[in-house]
Amino acid sequence: MLTTVKLNKIYRKVRYRAKQVIGIIKNKFGDKDNVINFHVACLYVLARFALYNLTLLFKLMFSAN
């Protein structure tokens, strides 16, 4: 079983990857939204993440040809 200390070390090593993806998505779609509540904001984040991954998938699929 992993302890909290070990998990923190692992997180510190790979944290930049998550931050990098978030930064790319913010640069593509903007970093601010005017939303009504927290639930809607969460849906926006999920939608952006899905849209970014779909565009990346299509680029990879069609550039391989």
N, C-alpha and C. Protein backbone atom coordinates (compact mmCIF):
# COMPACT_ATOMS: atom_id res chain seq x y z
N MET A 1 0.84 -1.18 0.00
CA MET A 1 0.00 0.00 0.00
C MET A 1 0.89 1.25 0.00
N LEU A 2 0.50 2.24 -0.77
CA LEU A 2 1.28 3.46 -0.87
C LEU A 2 0.92 4.41 0.28
N THR A 3 1.93 4.98 0.88
CA THR A 3 1.70 5.95 1.94
C THR A 3 1.51 7.33 1.34
N THR A 4 1.09 8.24 2.16
CA THR A 4 0.87 9.60 1.72
C THR A 4 2.16 10.24 1.23
N VAL A 5 3.24 9.95 1.89
CA VAL A 5 4.54 10.52 1.49
C VAL A 5 4.92 10.04 0.10
N LYS A 6 4.75 8.75 -0.15
CA LYS A 6 5.08 8.21 -1.47
C LYS A 6 4.17 8.78 -2.55
N LEU A 7 2.88 8.91 -2.23
CA LEU A 7 1.95 9.47 -3.20
C LEU A 7 2.29 10.93 -3.51
N ASN A 8 2.71 11.68 -2.50
CA ASN A 8 3.11 13.07 -2.73
C ASN A 8 4.34 13.15 -3.62
N LYS A 9 5.28 12.25 -3.46
CA LYS A 9 6.48 12.23 -4.31
C LYS A 9 6.11 11.92 -5.75
N ILE A 10 5.22 10.96 -5.92
CA ILE A 10 4.77 10.60 -7.28
C ILE A 10 4.05 11.78 -7.92
N TYR A 11 3.18 12.42 -7.15
CA TYR A 11 2.44 13.57 -7.68
C TYR A 11 3.38 14.69 -8.10
N ARG A 12 4.38 14.97 -7.28
CA ARG A 12 5.32 16.03 -7.63
C ARG A 12 6.07 15.74 -8.91
N LYS A 13 6.32 14.46 -9.18
CA LYS A 13 7.05 14.10 -10.40
C LYS A 13 6.20 14.28 -11.66
N VAL A 14 4.91 14.03 -11.58
CA VAL A 14 4.06 14.06 -12.78
C VAL A 14 3.09 15.24 -12.80
N ARG A 15 3.19 16.12 -11.83
CA ARG A 15 2.28 17.25 -11.74
C ARG A 15 2.34 18.14 -12.99
N TYR A 16 3.52 18.32 -13.53
CA TYR A 16 3.68 19.20 -14.69
C TYR A 16 2.86 18.72 -15.88
N ARG A 17 2.65 17.41 -16.00
CA ARG A 17 1.87 16.90 -17.13
C ARG A 17 0.43 17.38 -17.06
N ALA A 18 -0.16 17.29 -15.88
CA ALA A 18 -1.54 17.76 -15.71
C ALA A 18 -1.62 19.26 -15.92
N LYS A 19 -0.67 19.99 -15.38
CA LYS A 19 -0.67 21.45 -15.54
C LYS A 19 -0.49 21.83 -17.01
N GLN A 20 0.29 21.05 -17.72
CA GLN A 20 0.54 21.33 -19.13
C GLN A 20 -0.74 21.19 -19.95
N VAL A 21 -1.49 20.11 -19.71
CA VAL A 21 -2.75 19.89 -20.42
C VAL A 21 -3.74 20.99 -20.09
N ILE A 22 -3.83 21.34 -18.83
CA ILE A 22 -4.76 22.41 -18.44
C ILE A 22 -4.37 23.72 -19.10
N GLY A 23 -3.08 24.02 -19.16
CA GLY A 23 -2.62 25.23 -19.81
C GLY A 23 -2.93 25.27 -21.29
N ILE A 24 -2.77 24.14 -21.97
CA ILE A 24 -3.07 24.06 -23.40
C ILE A 24 -4.55 24.32 -23.64
N ILE A 25 -5.40 23.69 -22.84
CA ILE A 25 -6.84 23.86 -23.00
C ILE A 25 -7.24 25.31 -22.73
N LYS A 26 -6.66 25.92 -21.70
CA LYS A 26 -6.97 27.33 -21.42
C LYS A 26 -6.54 28.22 -22.57
N ASN A 27 -5.40 27.94 -23.17
CA ASN A 27 -4.93 28.76 -24.29
C ASN A 27 -5.83 28.61 -25.50
N LYS A 28 -6.35 27.42 -25.74
CA LYS A 28 -7.20 27.21 -26.91
C LYS A 28 -8.59 27.82 -26.73
N PHE A 29 -9.17 27.67 -25.54
CA PHE A 29 -10.56 28.05 -25.33
C PHE A 29 -10.76 29.27 -24.44
N GLY A 30 -9.70 29.86 -23.97
CA GLY A 30 -9.82 30.98 -23.04
C GLY A 30 -9.85 30.46 -21.60
N ASP A 31 -9.58 31.35 -20.67
CA ASP A 31 -9.47 30.87 -19.30
C ASP A 31 -10.57 31.38 -18.38
N LYS A 32 -11.51 32.15 -18.91
CA LYS A 32 -12.58 32.67 -18.05
C LYS A 32 -13.92 32.43 -18.70
N ASP A 33 -14.87 32.07 -17.87
CA ASP A 33 -16.26 31.91 -18.31
C ASP A 33 -17.16 32.58 -17.29
N ASN A 34 -18.21 33.16 -17.77
CA ASN A 34 -19.22 33.71 -16.87
C ASN A 34 -20.34 32.69 -16.78
N VAL A 35 -20.33 31.94 -15.70
CA VAL A 35 -21.34 30.91 -15.50
C VAL A 35 -22.15 31.21 -14.26
N ILE A 36 -23.31 30.58 -14.18
CA ILE A 36 -24.24 30.87 -13.10
C ILE A 36 -23.81 30.22 -11.78
N ASN A 37 -23.43 28.96 -11.83
CA ASN A 37 -23.07 28.28 -10.59
C ASN A 37 -21.93 27.29 -10.81
N PHE A 38 -21.51 26.67 -9.75
CA PHE A 38 -20.38 25.76 -9.78
C PHE A 38 -20.64 24.54 -10.66
N HIS A 39 -21.85 24.02 -10.63
CA HIS A 39 -22.19 22.83 -11.42
C HIS A 39 -22.03 23.11 -12.92
N VAL A 40 -22.49 24.25 -13.35
CA VAL A 40 -22.36 24.62 -14.76
C VAL A 40 -20.89 24.80 -15.12
N ALA A 41 -20.11 25.38 -14.21
CA ALA A 41 -18.68 25.55 -14.45
C ALA A 41 -17.99 24.20 -14.61
N CYS A 42 -18.37 23.22 -13.79
CA CYS A 42 -17.81 21.86 -13.91
C CYS A 42 -18.15 21.25 -15.26
N LEU A 43 -19.37 21.46 -15.72
CA LEU A 43 -19.77 20.93 -17.02
C LEU A 43 -18.97 21.59 -18.15
N TYR A 44 -18.70 22.88 -18.03
CA TYR A 44 -17.88 23.57 -19.02
C TYR A 44 -16.50 22.97 -19.09
N VAL A 45 -15.91 22.71 -17.93
CA VAL A 45 -14.56 22.14 -17.89
C VAL A 45 -14.55 20.76 -18.53
N LEU A 46 -15.53 19.93 -18.19
CA LEU A 46 -15.60 18.59 -18.78
C LEU A 46 -15.81 18.65 -20.29
N ALA A 47 -16.66 19.56 -20.73
CA ALA A 47 -16.91 19.69 -22.16
C ALA A 47 -15.66 20.14 -22.91
N ARG A 48 -14.94 21.09 -22.34
CA ARG A 48 -13.71 21.55 -22.98
C ARG A 48 -12.67 20.44 -23.05
N PHE A 49 -12.55 19.70 -21.97
CA PHE A 49 -11.59 18.61 -21.93
C PHE A 49 -11.93 17.56 -22.99
N ALA A 50 -13.21 17.21 -23.09
CA ALA A 50 -13.64 16.23 -24.09
C ALA A 50 -13.42 16.75 -25.50
N LEU A 51 -13.75 18.00 -25.73
CA LEU A 51 -13.59 18.59 -27.05
C LEU A 51 -12.12 18.65 -27.45
N TYR A 52 -11.26 19.01 -26.52
CA TYR A 52 -9.83 19.05 -26.81
C TYR A 52 -9.32 17.66 -27.16
N ASN A 53 -9.72 16.66 -26.40
CA ASN A 53 -9.27 15.29 -26.67
C ASN A 53 -9.80 14.76 -27.99
N LEU A 54 -11.03 15.11 -28.34
CA LEU A 54 -11.59 14.68 -29.62
C LEU A 54 -10.84 15.32 -30.79
N THR A 55 -10.53 16.61 -30.67
CA THR A 55 -9.78 17.25 -31.76
C THR A 55 -8.38 16.66 -31.89
N LEU A 56 -7.78 16.36 -30.77
CA LEU A 56 -6.46 15.72 -30.80
C LEU A 56 -6.54 14.34 -31.44
N LEU A 57 -7.58 13.58 -31.11
CA LEU A 57 -7.77 12.25 -31.70
C LEU A 57 -7.96 12.34 -33.21
N PHE A 58 -8.79 13.29 -33.66
CA PHE A 58 -9.01 13.43 -35.10
C PHE A 58 -7.75 13.85 -35.83
N LYS A 59 -6.98 14.74 -35.21
CA LYS A 59 -5.72 15.15 -35.84
C LYS A 59 -4.78 13.96 -35.98
N LEU A 60 -4.71 13.14 -34.95
CA LEU A 60 -3.83 11.96 -35.01
C LEU A 60 -4.32 10.95 -36.02
N MET A 61 -5.63 10.76 -36.11
CA MET A 61 -6.18 9.78 -37.05
C MET A 61 -5.95 10.19 -38.49
N PHE A 62 -6.18 11.46 -38.78
CA PHE A 62 -6.10 11.89 -40.18
C PHE A 62 -4.70 12.31 -40.60
N SER A 63 -3.81 12.54 -39.68
CA SER A 63 -2.44 12.86 -40.06
C SER A 63 -1.62 11.61 -40.29
N ALA A 64 -2.11 10.46 -39.85
CA ALA A 64 -1.38 9.20 -40.04
C ALA A 64 -1.46 8.71 -41.48
N ASN A 65 -2.43 9.18 -42.24
CA ASN A 65 -2.60 8.74 -43.62
C ASN A 65 -1.61 9.32 -44.53
